[in-house]
């Protein structure tokens, strides 16, 4: 309240992310279980994917879910890596 923060997304490592949006109840966005090889860049991936989703007009929760999927792709790779659109789409299909 002090800083008038309306929305907040908190990463929780392998437990997913917590989304606090406006006056809504907090939502836990669970992560999909996968083998983790390297967490390098996972947070950067979340920020980039969320920003791209919001810039494309996605609602905050949808963007956060896509960001979580993108981070899941990245941690499944060794070293600094990126998640392609095709990989995120595949991860989304597998999570349904």
Protein backbone atom coordinates (compact mmCIF):
# COMPACT_ATOMS: atom_id res chain seq x y z
CA UNK A 1 0.00 0.00 0.00
CA UNK A 2 2.85 2.36 0.83
CA UNK A 3 4.17 2.21 -2.75
CA UNK A 4 0.82 1.69 -4.49
CA UNK A 5 1.92 -1.66 -5.95
CA UNK A 6 -1.11 -3.11 -7.72
CA UNK A 7 0.32 -6.38 -9.00
CA UNK A 8 3.16 -8.59 -7.81
CA UNK A 9 4.61 -11.82 -9.15
CA UNK A 10 6.88 -13.74 -6.79
CA UNK A 11 8.96 -16.65 -8.04
CA UNK A 12 9.05 -19.61 -5.66
CA UNK A 13 11.71 -21.77 -7.31
CA UNK A 14 10.41 -25.30 -7.92
CA UNK A 15 7.08 -24.45 -6.22
CA UNK A 16 6.04 -22.12 -9.04
CA UNK A 17 5.02 -18.49 -8.64
CA UNK A 18 2.63 -16.49 -6.50
CA UNK A 19 0.53 -13.91 -8.33
CA UNK A 20 -0.98 -11.02 -6.39
CA UNK A 21 -3.22 -9.08 -8.74
CA UNK A 22 -5.27 -6.06 -7.73
CA UNK A 23 -7.95 -6.93 -5.21
CA UNK A 24 -8.08 -10.60 -6.22
CA UNK A 25 -7.17 -13.50 -4.00
CA UNK A 26 -3.49 -14.57 -4.29
CA UNK A 27 -3.03 -17.35 -6.86
CA UNK A 28 -0.35 -20.00 -6.75
CA UNK A 29 0.78 -20.85 -10.26
CA UNK A 30 2.26 -24.29 -9.82
CA UNK A 31 5.32 -25.26 -11.82
CA UNK A 32 5.43 -28.39 -13.90
CA UNK A 33 7.76 -31.06 -12.54
CA UNK A 34 10.79 -31.50 -14.76
CA UNK A 35 14.41 -32.41 -14.49
CA UNK A 36 16.46 -29.31 -13.69
CA UNK A 37 19.91 -29.04 -15.21
CA UNK A 38 20.75 -25.38 -14.62
CA UNK A 39 18.78 -22.47 -13.15
CA UNK A 40 20.99 -19.85 -14.80
CA UNK A 41 18.76 -17.23 -16.39
CA UNK A 42 15.45 -18.59 -15.11
CA UNK A 43 14.51 -15.30 -13.46
CA UNK A 44 15.55 -13.32 -16.53
CA UNK A 45 13.42 -15.65 -18.62
CA UNK A 46 10.40 -15.03 -16.38
CA UNK A 47 10.82 -11.27 -16.73
CA UNK A 48 11.34 -11.36 -20.49
CA UNK A 49 8.45 -13.74 -21.17
CA UNK A 50 6.11 -11.82 -18.88
CA UNK A 51 7.04 -8.50 -20.49
CA UNK A 52 6.57 -9.91 -24.00
CA UNK A 53 3.21 -11.41 -23.06
CA UNK A 54 1.96 -8.17 -21.54
CA UNK A 55 3.24 -6.16 -24.52
CA UNK A 56 1.28 -8.50 -26.80
CA UNK A 57 -1.88 -7.78 -24.79
CA UNK A 58 -2.12 -10.96 -22.70
CA UNK A 59 -3.80 -10.70 -19.31
CA UNK A 60 -1.38 -10.75 -16.38
CA UNK A 61 -2.24 -14.28 -15.24
CA UNK A 62 -1.84 -15.71 -18.77
CA UNK A 63 1.51 -13.92 -19.11
CA UNK A 64 2.66 -15.26 -15.76
CA UNK A 65 1.70 -18.80 -16.74
CA UNK A 66 3.59 -18.49 -20.04
CA UNK A 67 6.57 -17.04 -18.17
CA UNK A 68 6.55 -20.02 -15.83
CA UNK A 69 6.46 -22.40 -18.80
CA UNK A 70 9.35 -20.55 -20.47
CA UNK A 71 11.43 -20.72 -17.29
CA UNK A 72 10.68 -24.43 -17.08
CA UNK A 73 12.08 -24.90 -20.58
CA UNK A 74 15.23 -22.95 -19.72
CA UNK A 75 16.05 -24.84 -16.52
CA UNK A 76 15.85 -28.07 -18.49
CA UNK A 77 18.93 -26.99 -20.46
CA UNK A 78 22.57 -26.75 -19.43
CA UNK A 79 24.13 -23.28 -19.18
CA UNK A 80 22.69 -20.00 -20.35
CA UNK A 81 19.82 -20.81 -22.70
CA UNK A 82 16.61 -19.43 -24.11
CA UNK A 83 13.13 -20.80 -24.67
CA UNK A 84 11.86 -20.64 -28.22
CA UNK A 85 8.22 -19.95 -29.00
CA UNK A 86 7.87 -23.53 -30.23
CA UNK A 87 9.29 -24.90 -26.95
CA UNK A 88 6.93 -22.78 -24.85
CA UNK A 89 3.97 -23.81 -27.02
CA UNK A 90 4.98 -27.47 -26.58
CA UNK A 91 5.29 -27.00 -22.81
CA UNK A 92 1.83 -25.41 -22.78
CA UNK A 93 0.31 -28.34 -24.68
CA UNK A 94 1.98 -30.80 -22.27
CA UNK A 95 0.64 -28.93 -19.23
CA UNK A 96 -3.00 -29.19 -20.32
